[in-house]
Amino acid sequence: MKKHLWFILLVACALSSVAVASSIIIVLFDGKTFNGWEGNLKIFRIQDGAIVGGSLKEKVVQNEFLCTKQEYSDFVLRLKFKLLGDPKGANAGIQFRTQRIPNHHEVIGYQADIGQNYWGALYDESRRKKVLAGPTPEEVQKLARPNDWNEYVIRAQGRRIRLELNGRQTVDYTEADEGIQQTGRICVQIHGGPPSEAWYKDITIETLPAKSGAKN
């Protein structure tokens, strides 16, 4: 009987080790350098341990994106952000499963949106060019913290995407189009428009084992 118990414990430990090994947490931004990132460094800078895009002194000419060099498929992405500027015009977002458009400043892929009534929404950048899912304007008013730090948790596994804004789930979306690419880069955006700044920090990604099912 004791031998059987020891065998069961050994198997349980082995399975636990495999589960831990299949999920890895990576710090994407070290707070000091742009190691692992690429983009227009005339627009993006590092200040007080954060990535800052845009300026409060002059208009942001066009959408700009700072992107990881590495691509990711299934993951939980966590980060803190704040958007400074006129709340009526300032806009930004976090891209994921995204690709750069060759010879262009734009990218194509999913975006966890920030700004106006788009806080907490899932937008399809440069592809379908529309909000795929998101909270109501009333929910946005309760959740968003303009000109202050906020937190996004973005979970993408298989074709299911979930967004949490400041601890509240705002999106649970399953991609029906099987032709949509489910891997790509992580990018942070400052949207073209009036003087504004988008700040991003504490950016980590937990890679998950691939899952083909839409619901998990």
N, C-alpha and C. Protein backbone atom coordinates (compact mmCIF):
# COMPACT_ATOMS: atom_id res chain seq x y z
N MET A 1 0.83 -1.21 0.00
CA MET A 1 0.00 0.00 0.00
C MET A 1 0.87 1.26 0.00
N LYS A 2 1.96 1.25 0.82
CA LYS A 2 2.85 2.39 0.88
C LYS A 2 3.52 2.63 -0.46
N LYS A 3 3.88 1.53 -1.16
CA LYS A 3 4.51 1.68 -2.47
C LYS A 3 3.55 2.36 -3.45
N HIS A 4 2.29 1.97 -3.38
CA HIS A 4 1.29 2.58 -4.25
C HIS A 4 1.14 4.07 -3.97
N LEU A 5 1.13 4.44 -2.68
CA LEU A 5 1.01 5.85 -2.30
C LEU A 5 2.20 6.66 -2.81
N TRP A 6 3.41 6.09 -2.66
CA TRP A 6 4.61 6.78 -3.14
C TRP A 6 4.55 6.96 -4.65
N PHE A 7 4.06 5.95 -5.36
CA PHE A 7 3.96 6.02 -6.81
C PHE A 7 2.99 7.13 -7.24
N ILE A 8 1.85 7.20 -6.53
CA ILE A 8 0.86 8.24 -6.84
C ILE A 8 1.43 9.63 -6.60
N LEU A 9 2.17 9.79 -5.48
CA LEU A 9 2.78 11.08 -5.17
C LEU A 9 3.81 11.48 -6.23
N LEU A 10 4.60 10.51 -6.69
CA LEU A 10 5.61 10.79 -7.71
C LEU A 10 4.97 11.23 -9.02
N VAL A 11 3.89 10.55 -9.40
CA VAL A 11 3.18 10.91 -10.62
C VAL A 11 2.59 12.31 -10.51
N ALA A 12 1.99 12.62 -9.34
CA ALA A 12 1.39 13.94 -9.12
C ALA A 12 2.45 15.03 -9.21
N CYS A 13 3.61 14.79 -8.61
CA CYS A 13 4.70 15.77 -8.66
C CYS A 13 5.19 15.99 -10.09
N ALA A 14 5.28 14.89 -10.84
CA ALA A 14 5.74 14.98 -12.23
C ALA A 14 4.77 15.80 -13.06
N LEU A 15 3.47 15.55 -12.89
CA LEU A 15 2.46 16.29 -13.63
C LEU A 15 2.48 17.76 -13.25
N SER A 16 2.68 18.04 -11.96
CA SER A 16 2.76 19.43 -11.50
C SER A 16 3.94 20.14 -12.13
N SER A 17 5.07 19.46 -12.25
CA SER A 17 6.26 20.05 -12.85
C SER A 17 6.03 20.37 -14.31
N VAL A 18 5.33 19.47 -15.02
CA VAL A 18 5.04 19.71 -16.42
C VAL A 18 4.16 20.93 -16.58
N ALA A 19 3.14 21.08 -15.71
CA ALA A 19 2.22 22.21 -15.77
C ALA A 19 2.96 23.52 -15.56
N VAL A 20 3.88 23.52 -14.56
CA VAL A 20 4.64 24.73 -14.28
C VAL A 20 5.55 25.07 -15.45
N ALA A 21 6.18 24.03 -16.03
CA ALA A 21 7.12 24.25 -17.12
C ALA A 21 6.43 24.78 -18.36
N SER A 22 5.14 24.46 -18.56
CA SER A 22 4.43 24.88 -19.76
C SER A 22 3.94 26.32 -19.66
N SER A 23 4.03 26.93 -18.49
CA SER A 23 3.59 28.30 -18.30
C SER A 23 4.76 29.12 -17.78
N ILE A 24 5.21 30.10 -18.57
CA ILE A 24 6.40 30.88 -18.24
C ILE A 24 6.04 32.36 -18.19
N ILE A 25 6.43 33.05 -17.12
CA ILE A 25 6.19 34.49 -17.01
C ILE A 25 7.45 35.24 -17.44
N ILE A 26 7.29 36.16 -18.39
CA ILE A 26 8.40 36.90 -18.95
C ILE A 26 8.17 38.40 -18.72
N VAL A 27 9.20 39.10 -18.27
CA VAL A 27 9.14 40.56 -18.15
C VAL A 27 9.48 41.13 -19.52
N LEU A 28 8.51 41.78 -20.16
CA LEU A 28 8.72 42.29 -21.52
C LEU A 28 9.46 43.62 -21.53
N PHE A 29 9.32 44.42 -20.48
CA PHE A 29 9.97 45.72 -20.41
C PHE A 29 10.69 45.86 -19.09
N ASP A 30 12.01 46.11 -19.15
CA ASP A 30 12.82 46.14 -17.93
C ASP A 30 12.78 47.48 -17.21
N GLY A 31 12.07 48.45 -17.76
CA GLY A 31 11.96 49.76 -17.12
C GLY A 31 13.12 50.70 -17.40
N LYS A 32 14.13 50.21 -18.15
CA LYS A 32 15.34 51.01 -18.37
C LYS A 32 15.75 51.10 -19.83
N THR A 33 15.49 50.04 -20.60
CA THR A 33 15.95 50.00 -21.99
C THR A 33 14.83 49.51 -22.90
N PHE A 34 15.06 49.67 -24.21
CA PHE A 34 14.13 49.16 -25.20
C PHE A 34 14.55 47.79 -25.72
N ASN A 35 15.32 47.06 -24.93
CA ASN A 35 15.74 45.72 -25.33
C ASN A 35 14.52 44.85 -25.62
N GLY A 36 14.50 44.25 -26.81
CA GLY A 36 13.39 43.39 -27.19
C GLY A 36 12.25 44.12 -27.88
N TRP A 37 12.39 45.44 -28.06
CA TRP A 37 11.34 46.25 -28.68
C TRP A 37 11.90 46.99 -29.90
N GLU A 38 11.01 47.37 -30.81
CA GLU A 38 11.41 48.20 -31.94
C GLU A 38 10.26 49.14 -32.32
N GLY A 39 10.64 50.33 -32.81
CA GLY A 39 9.64 51.32 -33.19
C GLY A 39 10.28 52.68 -33.37
N ASN A 40 9.47 53.70 -33.52
CA ASN A 40 9.94 55.06 -33.75
C ASN A 40 10.35 55.70 -32.43
N LEU A 41 11.64 55.73 -32.17
CA LEU A 41 12.13 56.25 -30.89
C LEU A 41 12.16 57.78 -30.85
N LYS A 42 11.69 58.43 -31.91
CA LYS A 42 11.45 59.87 -31.84
C LYS A 42 10.10 60.15 -31.17
N ILE A 43 9.26 59.13 -31.16
CA ILE A 43 7.93 59.24 -30.58
C ILE A 43 7.87 58.59 -29.19
N PHE A 44 8.62 57.50 -29.02
CA PHE A 44 8.61 56.77 -27.75
C PHE A 44 9.89 57.02 -26.98
N ARG A 45 9.75 57.16 -25.66
CA ARG A 45 10.90 57.35 -24.78
C ARG A 45 10.66 56.57 -23.49
N ILE A 46 11.67 56.52 -22.64
CA ILE A 46 11.55 55.89 -21.33
C ILE A 46 11.64 56.98 -20.28
N GLN A 47 10.66 57.01 -19.38
CA GLN A 47 10.63 58.03 -18.33
C GLN A 47 10.05 57.41 -17.06
N ASP A 48 10.73 57.58 -15.95
CA ASP A 48 10.26 57.09 -14.65
C ASP A 48 9.86 55.61 -14.70
N GLY A 49 10.66 54.81 -15.41
CA GLY A 49 10.42 53.37 -15.46
C GLY A 49 9.28 52.94 -16.35
N ALA A 50 8.82 53.86 -17.22
CA ALA A 50 7.69 53.55 -18.10
C ALA A 50 8.04 53.90 -19.55
N ILE A 51 7.38 53.20 -20.48
CA ILE A 51 7.41 53.58 -21.89
C ILE A 51 6.40 54.70 -22.07
N VAL A 52 6.84 55.79 -22.71
CA VAL A 52 5.95 56.94 -22.94
C VAL A 52 5.91 57.23 -24.43
N GLY A 53 4.70 57.24 -24.99
CA GLY A 53 4.52 57.60 -26.39
C GLY A 53 3.78 58.91 -26.52
N GLY A 54 4.23 59.75 -27.45
CA GLY A 54 3.55 61.01 -27.69
C GLY A 54 4.11 62.17 -26.90
N SER A 55 3.39 63.29 -26.93
CA SER A 55 3.84 64.51 -26.27
C SER A 55 2.64 65.37 -25.89
N LEU A 56 2.75 66.05 -24.77
CA LEU A 56 1.70 66.98 -24.35
C LEU A 56 1.94 68.39 -24.91
N LYS A 57 3.05 68.55 -25.64
CA LYS A 57 3.41 69.87 -26.15
C LYS A 57 3.06 70.06 -27.62
N GLU A 58 2.88 68.94 -28.34
CA GLU A 58 2.57 69.07 -29.76
C GLU A 58 1.68 67.94 -30.24
N LYS A 59 1.02 68.14 -31.35
CA LYS A 59 0.10 67.17 -31.92
C LYS A 59 0.83 65.87 -32.28
N VAL A 60 0.15 64.75 -32.10
CA VAL A 60 0.68 63.46 -32.52
C VAL A 60 0.26 63.28 -33.98
N VAL A 61 1.23 63.28 -34.88
CA VAL A 61 0.95 63.35 -36.32
C VAL A 61 0.19 62.13 -36.82
N GLN A 62 0.57 60.94 -36.37
CA GLN A 62 -0.05 59.72 -36.87
C GLN A 62 0.03 58.63 -35.81
N ASN A 63 -0.71 57.55 -36.00
CA ASN A 63 -0.60 56.40 -35.11
C ASN A 63 0.83 55.90 -35.09
N GLU A 64 1.34 55.62 -33.90
CA GLU A 64 2.69 55.06 -33.78
C GLU A 64 2.64 53.87 -32.81
N PHE A 65 3.46 52.86 -33.10
CA PHE A 65 3.45 51.63 -32.32
C PHE A 65 4.88 51.21 -31.97
N LEU A 66 5.09 50.87 -30.72
CA LEU A 66 6.34 50.26 -30.28
C LEU A 66 6.03 48.78 -30.07
N CYS A 67 6.76 47.90 -30.76
CA CYS A 67 6.39 46.48 -30.79
C CYS A 67 7.52 45.58 -30.29
N THR A 68 7.13 44.45 -29.70
CA THR A 68 8.12 43.44 -29.34
C THR A 68 8.67 42.82 -30.62
N LYS A 69 9.92 42.40 -30.56
CA LYS A 69 10.51 41.68 -31.68
C LYS A 69 10.02 40.22 -31.70
N GLN A 70 9.66 39.73 -30.53
CA GLN A 70 9.18 38.35 -30.38
C GLN A 70 7.68 38.28 -30.64
N GLU A 71 7.23 37.14 -31.16
CA GLU A 71 5.81 36.90 -31.36
C GLU A 71 5.28 35.93 -30.31
N TYR A 72 3.98 36.06 -30.00
CA TYR A 72 3.35 35.23 -28.98
C TYR A 72 1.98 34.77 -29.47
N SER A 73 1.57 33.59 -29.03
CA SER A 73 0.30 33.02 -29.46
C SER A 73 -0.73 32.98 -28.33
N ASP A 74 -0.50 32.12 -27.34
CA ASP A 74 -1.42 31.95 -26.22
C ASP A 74 -0.75 32.48 -24.96
N PHE A 75 -1.44 33.37 -24.24
CA PHE A 75 -0.76 34.06 -23.14
C PHE A 75 -1.75 34.80 -22.25
N VAL A 76 -1.22 35.26 -21.11
CA VAL A 76 -1.88 36.26 -20.29
C VAL A 76 -0.92 37.44 -20.20
N LEU A 77 -1.34 38.58 -20.73
CA LEU A 77 -0.54 39.79 -20.73
C LEU A 77 -1.06 40.73 -19.66
N ARG A 78 -0.16 41.22 -18.81
CA ARG A 78 -0.54 42.15 -17.75
C ARG A 78 0.30 43.41 -17.85
N LEU A 79 -0.32 44.55 -17.68
CA LEU A 79 0.42 45.81 -17.70
C LEU A 79 -0.40 46.92 -17.07
N LYS A 80 0.32 47.99 -16.69
CA LYS A 80 -0.31 49.20 -16.18
C LYS A 80 -0.12 50.30 -17.21
N PHE A 81 -1.09 51.21 -17.28
CA PHE A 81 -1.02 52.27 -18.28
C PHE A 81 -1.78 53.50 -17.78
N LYS A 82 -1.42 54.66 -18.34
CA LYS A 82 -2.22 55.86 -18.13
C LYS A 82 -2.19 56.69 -19.40
N LEU A 83 -3.28 57.41 -19.63
CA LEU A 83 -3.44 58.22 -20.83
C LEU A 83 -3.62 59.67 -20.40
N LEU A 84 -2.70 60.53 -20.84
CA LEU A 84 -2.72 61.94 -20.47
C LEU A 84 -3.12 62.80 -21.66
N GLY A 85 -3.86 63.85 -21.39
CA GLY A 85 -4.31 64.76 -22.44
C GLY A 85 -5.81 64.96 -22.36
N ASP A 86 -6.35 65.67 -23.33
CA ASP A 86 -7.78 65.93 -23.37
C ASP A 86 -8.54 64.61 -23.51
N PRO A 87 -9.36 64.23 -22.54
CA PRO A 87 -10.08 62.96 -22.61
C PRO A 87 -10.96 62.82 -23.84
N LYS A 88 -11.34 63.94 -24.46
CA LYS A 88 -12.20 63.89 -25.64
C LYS A 88 -11.42 63.48 -26.89
N GLY A 89 -10.09 63.65 -26.85
CA GLY A 89 -9.31 63.36 -28.05
C GLY A 89 -8.19 62.37 -27.88
N ALA A 90 -7.66 62.21 -26.65
CA ALA A 90 -6.54 61.30 -26.41
C ALA A 90 -6.98 59.86 -26.62
N ASN A 91 -6.10 59.06 -27.24
CA ASN A 91 -6.44 57.67 -27.53
C ASN A 91 -5.16 56.85 -27.62
N ALA A 92 -5.25 55.59 -27.22
CA ALA A 92 -4.10 54.70 -27.27
C ALA A 92 -4.61 53.25 -27.24
N GLY A 93 -3.71 52.30 -27.05
CA GLY A 93 -4.14 50.92 -26.98
C GLY A 93 -2.97 49.96 -26.92
N ILE A 94 -3.28 48.72 -26.62
CA ILE A 94 -2.29 47.65 -26.56
C ILE A 94 -2.63 46.62 -27.63
N GLN A 95 -1.71 46.46 -28.57
CA GLN A 95 -1.89 45.50 -29.66
C GLN A 95 -1.40 44.12 -29.23
N PHE A 96 -2.05 43.08 -29.74
CA PHE A 96 -1.57 41.72 -29.53
C PHE A 96 -1.98 40.85 -30.70
N ARG A 97 -1.25 39.74 -30.87
CA ARG A 97 -1.42 38.92 -32.08
C ARG A 97 -1.42 39.83 -33.32
N THR A 98 -0.41 40.66 -33.37
CA THR A 98 -0.33 41.77 -34.33
C THR A 98 0.90 41.65 -35.21
N GLN A 99 0.80 42.16 -36.44
CA GLN A 99 1.92 42.22 -37.37
C GLN A 99 2.07 43.64 -37.90
N ARG A 100 3.30 44.04 -38.18
CA ARG A 100 3.50 45.33 -38.84
C ARG A 100 3.10 45.22 -40.31
N ILE A 101 2.54 46.30 -40.84
CA ILE A 101 2.26 46.38 -42.26
C ILE A 101 3.54 46.84 -42.95
N PRO A 102 4.07 46.07 -43.91
CA PRO A 102 5.34 46.43 -44.54
C PRO A 102 5.35 47.85 -45.12
N ASN A 103 6.44 48.55 -44.86
CA ASN A 103 6.65 49.91 -45.39
C ASN A 103 5.53 50.87 -44.99
N HIS A 104 5.04 50.72 -43.78
CA HIS A 104 3.95 51.56 -43.29
C HIS A 104 4.09 51.73 -41.78
N HIS A 105 3.53 52.83 -41.25
CA HIS A 105 3.60 53.04 -39.80
C HIS A 105 2.55 52.24 -39.05
N GLU A 106 1.55 51.70 -39.76
CA GLU A 106 0.45 50.99 -39.12
C GLU A 106 0.77 49.52 -38.86
N VAL A 107 -0.07 48.92 -38.02
CA VAL A 107 0.01 47.49 -37.75
C VAL A 107 -1.38 46.89 -37.97
N ILE A 108 -1.46 45.56 -37.97
CA ILE A 108 -2.73 44.89 -38.15
C ILE A 108 -2.89 43.81 -37.08
N GLY A 109 -4.00 43.85 -36.37
CA GLY A 109 -4.22 42.86 -35.31
C GLY A 109 -5.21 43.36 -34.27
N TYR A 110 -5.33 42.57 -33.22
CA TYR A 110 -6.26 42.91 -32.13
C TYR A 110 -5.68 44.04 -31.26
N GLN A 111 -6.59 44.84 -30.69
CA GLN A 111 -6.17 45.90 -29.79
C GLN A 111 -7.10 45.98 -28.57
N ALA A 112 -6.48 46.03 -27.39
CA ALA A 112 -7.21 46.40 -26.18
C ALA A 112 -7.20 47.92 -26.13
N ASP A 113 -8.34 48.53 -26.37
CA ASP A 113 -8.43 49.96 -26.65
C ASP A 113 -8.41 50.80 -25.37
N ILE A 114 -8.00 52.07 -25.55
CA ILE A 114 -7.96 53.05 -24.46
C ILE A 114 -8.42 54.39 -25.02
N GLY A 115 -9.35 55.06 -24.34
CA GLY A 115 -9.75 56.40 -24.73
C GLY A 115 -11.23 56.51 -25.03
N GLN A 116 -11.78 57.71 -24.83
CA GLN A 116 -13.19 58.02 -25.06
C GLN A 116 -14.09 56.91 -24.48
N ASN A 117 -15.01 56.40 -25.30
CA ASN A 117 -15.87 55.29 -24.84
C ASN A 117 -15.30 53.92 -25.21
N TYR A 118 -14.01 53.90 -25.59
CA TYR A 118 -13.41 52.65 -26.05
C TYR A 118 -12.63 51.92 -24.95
N TRP A 119 -12.54 52.51 -23.78
CA TRP A 119 -11.84 51.84 -22.68
C TRP A 119 -12.42 50.43 -22.49
N GLY A 120 -11.53 49.43 -22.38
CA GLY A 120 -11.98 48.07 -22.11
C GLY A 120 -12.51 47.33 -23.32
N ALA A 121 -12.48 47.95 -24.50
CA ALA A 121 -13.03 47.33 -25.71
C ALA A 121 -11.96 46.61 -26.52
N LEU A 122 -12.39 45.63 -27.30
CA LEU A 122 -11.53 44.90 -28.22
C LEU A 122 -11.75 45.45 -29.63
N TYR A 123 -10.71 46.06 -30.20
CA TYR A 123 -10.78 46.67 -31.53
C TYR A 123 -9.93 45.88 -32.50
N ASP A 124 -10.33 45.86 -33.77
CA ASP A 124 -9.56 45.16 -34.80
C ASP A 124 -8.86 46.19 -35.67
N GLU A 125 -7.57 46.42 -35.37
CA GLU A 125 -6.78 47.47 -36.00
C GLU A 125 -6.41 47.12 -37.44
N SER A 126 -6.74 48.03 -38.37
CA SER A 126 -6.34 47.94 -39.78
C SER A 126 -6.85 46.70 -40.51
N ARG A 127 -7.80 45.99 -39.91
CA ARG A 127 -8.33 44.78 -40.55
C ARG A 127 -9.83 44.97 -40.76
N ARG A 128 -10.62 44.65 -39.77
CA ARG A 128 -12.05 44.94 -39.87
C ARG A 128 -12.38 46.36 -39.44
N LYS A 129 -11.42 46.99 -38.74
CA LYS A 129 -11.52 48.40 -38.35
C LYS A 129 -12.81 48.69 -37.59
N LYS A 130 -13.08 47.86 -36.61
CA LYS A 130 -14.28 48.07 -35.80
C LYS A 130 -14.10 47.45 -34.43
N VAL A 131 -14.95 47.87 -33.48
CA VAL A 131 -14.96 47.28 -32.15
C VAL A 131 -15.64 45.91 -32.24
N LEU A 132 -14.94 44.89 -31.79
CA LEU A 132 -15.47 43.53 -31.83
C LEU A 132 -16.33 43.20 -30.61
N ALA A 133 -15.99 43.79 -29.49
CA ALA A 133 -16.74 43.58 -28.25
C ALA A 133 -16.25 44.60 -27.23
N GLY A 134 -17.11 44.92 -26.26
CA GLY A 134 -16.68 45.87 -25.25
C GLY A 134 -17.77 46.21 -24.26
N PRO A 135 -17.42 46.98 -23.25
CA PRO A 135 -18.39 47.38 -22.22
C PRO A 135 -19.31 48.49 -22.71
N THR A 136 -20.37 48.74 -21.97
CA THR A 136 -21.27 49.85 -22.29
C THR A 136 -20.62 51.16 -21.85
N PRO A 137 -21.06 52.29 -22.41
CA PRO A 137 -20.53 53.59 -21.97
C PRO A 137 -20.69 53.81 -20.46
N GLU A 138 -21.77 53.27 -19.89
CA GLU A 138 -22.00 53.40 -18.45
C GLU A 138 -20.94 52.64 -17.66
N GLU A 139 -20.58 51.46 -18.15
CA GLU A 139 -19.53 50.67 -17.49
C GLU A 139 -18.18 51.36 -17.62
N VAL A 140 -17.93 51.94 -18.79
CA VAL A 140 -16.67 52.66 -19.00
C VAL A 140 -16.52 53.78 -17.99
N GLN A 141 -17.58 54.52 -17.76
CA GLN A 141 -17.54 55.64 -16.81
C GLN A 141 -17.17 55.17 -15.40
N LYS A 142 -17.59 53.98 -15.04
CA LYS A 142 -17.31 53.44 -13.71
C LYS A 142 -15.89 52.89 -13.60
N LEU A 143 -15.36 52.35 -14.71
CA LEU A 143 -14.10 51.62 -14.66
C LEU A 143 -12.88 52.48 -14.99
N ALA A 144 -13.01 53.37 -15.97
CA ALA A 144 -11.85 54.10 -16.48
C ALA A 144 -11.35 55.15 -15.49
N ARG A 145 -10.03 55.33 -15.48
CA ARG A 145 -9.39 56.35 -14.63
C ARG A 145 -8.57 57.27 -15.52
N PRO A 146 -9.20 58.25 -16.16
CA PRO A 146 -8.46 59.17 -17.03
C PRO A 146 -7.36 59.89 -16.26
N ASN A 147 -6.21 60.06 -16.91
CA ASN A 147 -5.07 60.78 -16.34
C ASN A 147 -4.51 60.11 -15.08
N ASP A 148 -4.77 58.82 -14.93
CA ASP A 148 -4.25 58.07 -13.77
C ASP A 148 -3.89 56.66 -14.24
N TRP A 149 -3.22 55.92 -13.37
CA TRP A 149 -2.82 54.57 -13.72
C TRP A 149 -4.01 53.62 -13.73
N ASN A 150 -4.05 52.77 -14.75
CA ASN A 150 -5.05 51.71 -14.91
C ASN A 150 -4.32 50.40 -15.15
N GLU A 151 -5.07 49.31 -15.16
CA GLU A 151 -4.45 48.00 -15.40
C GLU A 151 -5.29 47.19 -16.37
N TYR A 152 -4.60 46.62 -17.35
CA TYR A 152 -5.22 45.68 -18.29
C TYR A 152 -4.67 44.27 -18.02
N VAL A 153 -5.55 43.29 -18.10
CA VAL A 153 -5.17 41.89 -18.16
C VAL A 153 -5.78 41.35 -19.45
N ILE A 154 -4.95 40.88 -20.36
CA ILE A 154 -5.39 40.39 -21.66
C ILE A 154 -5.08 38.90 -21.73
N ARG A 155 -6.11 38.08 -21.85
CA ARG A 155 -5.93 36.64 -21.94
C ARG A 155 -6.36 36.17 -23.32
N ALA A 156 -5.41 35.57 -24.05
CA ALA A 156 -5.69 35.03 -25.38
C ALA A 156 -5.28 33.56 -25.39
N GLN A 157 -6.24 32.68 -25.57
CA GLN A 157 -5.94 31.25 -25.61
C GLN A 157 -6.88 30.60 -26.62
N GLY A 158 -6.29 29.95 -27.61
CA GLY A 158 -7.10 29.47 -28.71
C GLY A 158 -7.75 30.66 -29.39
N ARG A 159 -9.01 30.55 -29.70
CA ARG A 159 -9.73 31.65 -30.36
C ARG A 159 -10.54 32.49 -29.38
N ARG A 160 -10.34 32.23 -28.10
CA ARG A 160 -11.05 32.99 -27.08
C ARG A 160 -10.16 34.10 -26.52
N ILE A 161 -10.70 35.32 -26.46
CA ILE A 161 -9.97 36.48 -25.96
C ILE A 161 -10.79 37.12 -24.85
N ARG A 162 -10.12 37.37 -23.72
CA ARG A 162 -10.78 38.03 -22.60
C ARG A 162 -9.97 39.25 -22.17
N LEU A 163 -10.66 40.34 -21.89
CA LEU A 163 -10.02 41.55 -21.39
C LEU A 163 -10.56 41.88 -20.01
N GLU A 164 -9.66 42.29 -19.13
CA GLU A 164 -10.05 42.82 -17.83
C GLU A 164 -9.48 44.22 -17.69
N LEU A 165 -10.31 45.17 -17.31
CA LEU A 165 -9.87 46.54 -17.06
C LEU A 165 -10.09 46.86 -15.59
N ASN A 166 -8.99 47.14 -14.90
CA ASN A 166 -9.05 47.49 -13.48
C ASN A 166 -9.84 46.45 -12.68
N GLY A 167 -9.56 45.17 -12.96
CA GLY A 167 -10.13 44.08 -12.18
C GLY A 167 -11.50 43.61 -12.61
N ARG A 168 -12.08 44.23 -13.64
CA ARG A 168 -13.42 43.84 -14.11
C ARG A 168 -13.35 43.35 -15.55
N GLN A 169 -13.91 42.16 -15.82
CA GLN A 169 -13.92 41.66 -17.18
C GLN A 169 -14.84 42.51 -18.05
N THR A 170 -14.30 42.95 -19.20
CA THR A 170 -15.07 43.79 -20.11
C THR A 170 -15.33 43.11 -21.46
N VAL A 171 -14.56 42.08 -21.76
CA VAL A 171 -14.71 41.37 -23.04
C VAL A 171 -14.51 39.88 -22.83
N ASP A 172 -15.38 39.08 -23.44
CA ASP A 172 -15.20 37.64 -23.56
C ASP A 172 -15.63 37.30 -24.99
N TYR A 173 -14.64 37.25 -25.88
CA TYR A 173 -14.89 37.17 -27.32
C TYR A 173 -14.26 35.92 -27.90
N THR A 174 -15.01 35.24 -28.74
CA THR A 174 -14.48 34.08 -29.46
C THR A 174 -14.44 34.40 -30.95
N GLU A 175 -13.25 34.30 -31.53
CA GLU A 175 -13.06 34.61 -32.95
C GLU A 175 -13.69 33.54 -33.83
N ALA A 176 -14.67 33.94 -34.64
CA ALA A 176 -15.37 32.99 -35.51
C ALA A 176 -14.67 32.80 -36.85
N ASP A 177 -13.86 33.78 -37.26
CA ASP A 177 -13.18 33.71 -38.55
C ASP A 177 -11.89 32.90 -38.40
N GLU A 178 -11.88 31.70 -38.94
CA GLU A 178 -10.71 30.84 -38.80
C GLU A 178 -9.53 31.30 -39.63
N GLY A 179 -9.75 32.29 -40.48
CA GLY A 179 -8.65 32.82 -41.27
C GLY A 179 -7.84 33.89 -40.55
N ILE A 180 -8.33 34.35 -39.40
CA ILE A 180 -7.62 35.38 -38.62
C ILE A 180 -6.42 34.75 -37.93
N GLN A 181 -5.25 35.36 -38.11
CA GLN A 181 -4.01 34.86 -37.53
C GLN A 181 -4.05 34.94 -36.01
N GLN A 182 -3.61 33.88 -35.35
CA GLN A 182 -3.68 33.82 -33.89
C GLN A 182 -2.30 33.86 -33.23
N THR A 183 -1.38 34.51 -33.89
CA THR A 183 -0.05 34.73 -33.30
C THR A 183 0.46 36.08 -33.78
N GLY A 184 1.39 36.66 -33.04
CA GLY A 184 1.93 37.95 -33.46
C GLY A 184 2.62 38.69 -32.33
N ARG A 185 2.93 39.94 -32.58
CA ARG A 185 3.67 40.75 -31.62
C ARG A 185 2.75 41.43 -30.61
N ILE A 186 3.35 41.91 -29.54
CA ILE A 186 2.72 42.80 -28.58
C ILE A 186 3.20 44.21 -28.90
N CYS A 187 2.30 45.17 -29.00
CA CYS A 187 2.69 46.55 -29.29
C CYS A 187 1.93 47.51 -28.37
N VAL A 188 2.54 48.64 -28.07
CA VAL A 188 1.84 49.71 -27.37
C VAL A 188 1.70 50.88 -28.33
N GLN A 189 0.58 51.58 -28.25
CA GLN A 189 0.24 52.61 -29.22
C GLN A 189 0.04 53.98 -28.59
N ILE A 190 0.40 55.00 -29.36
CA ILE A 190 -0.13 56.35 -29.14
C ILE A 190 -0.85 56.71 -30.43
N HIS A 191 -2.10 57.11 -30.31
CA HIS A 191 -2.94 57.39 -31.48
C HIS A 191 -2.68 58.79 -32.00
N GLY A 192 -2.71 58.94 -33.32
CA GLY A 192 -2.59 60.26 -33.90
C GLY A 192 -3.71 61.16 -33.44
N GLY A 193 -3.39 62.44 -33.19
CA GLY A 193 -4.42 63.36 -32.73
C GLY A 193 -3.85 64.51 -31.93
N PRO A 194 -4.62 65.07 -31.02
CA PRO A 194 -4.17 66.23 -30.23
C PRO A 194 -3.03 65.85 -29.29
N PRO A 195 -2.35 66.84 -28.71
CA PRO A 195 -1.27 66.54 -27.78
C PRO A 195 -1.73 65.56 -26.69
N SER A 196 -0.99 64.48 -26.53
CA SER A 196 -1.35 63.44 -25.57
C SER A 196 -0.17 62.53 -25.34
N GLU A 197 -0.20 61.82 -24.23
CA GLU A 197 0.84 60.85 -23.89
C GLU A 197 0.19 59.56 -23.41
N ALA A 198 0.76 58.43 -23.83
CA ALA A 198 0.36 57.12 -23.32
C ALA A 198 1.56 56.52 -22.58
N TRP A 199 1.35 56.18 -21.32
CA TRP A 199 2.39 55.61 -20.46
C TRP A 199 2.10 54.13 -20.22
N TYR A 200 3.16 53.30 -20.28
CA TYR A 200 3.01 51.85 -20.06
C TYR A 200 4.14 51.35 -19.18
N LYS A 201 3.80 50.52 -18.20
CA LYS A 201 4.83 49.96 -17.33
C LYS A 201 4.38 48.59 -16.77
N ASP A 202 5.31 47.93 -16.06
CA ASP A 202 5.04 46.64 -15.42
C ASP A 202 4.42 45.66 -16.42
N ILE A 203 5.07 45.55 -17.58
CA ILE A 203 4.55 44.72 -18.67
C ILE A 203 5.11 43.31 -18.57
N THR A 204 4.25 42.34 -18.29
CA THR A 204 4.68 40.94 -18.21
C THR A 204 3.75 40.09 -19.06
N ILE A 205 4.27 38.97 -19.53
CA ILE A 205 3.46 38.03 -20.30
C ILE A 205 3.69 36.62 -19.77
N GLU A 206 2.61 35.92 -19.52
CA GLU A 206 2.66 34.53 -19.10
C GLU A 206 2.25 33.68 -20.29
N THR A 207 3.20 32.94 -20.85
CA THR A 207 2.88 32.10 -22.00
C THR A 207 2.08 30.89 -21.53
N LEU A 208 1.10 30.51 -22.35
CA LEU A 208 0.22 29.39 -22.01
C LEU A 208 0.36 28.28 -23.04
N PRO A 209 0.05 27.05 -22.65
CA PRO A 209 0.06 25.97 -23.62
C PRO A 209 -1.01 26.20 -24.67
N ALA A 210 -0.71 25.87 -25.92
CA ALA A 210 -1.66 26.10 -27.02
C ALA A 210 -2.93 25.32 -26.78
N LYS A 211 -4.05 25.95 -27.15
CA LYS A 211 -5.34 25.32 -26.99
C LYS A 211 -6.16 25.59 -28.24
N SER A 212 -6.61 24.58 -28.90
CA SER A 212 -7.29 24.75 -30.17
C SER A 212 -8.76 25.11 -30.00
N GLY A 213 -9.36 24.77 -28.90
CA GLY A 213 -10.79 25.03 -28.70
C GLY A 213 -11.07 26.50 -28.48
N ALA A 214 -12.23 26.94 -28.91
CA ALA A 214 -12.59 28.35 -28.74
C ALA A 214 -12.94 28.65 -27.30
N LYS A 215 -13.59 27.72 -26.62
CA LYS A 215 -13.96 27.90 -25.21
C LYS A 215 -13.04 27.05 -24.36
N ASN A 216 -12.62 27.60 -23.21
CA ASN A 216 -11.76 26.81 -22.33
C ASN A 216 -12.12 27.09 -20.89
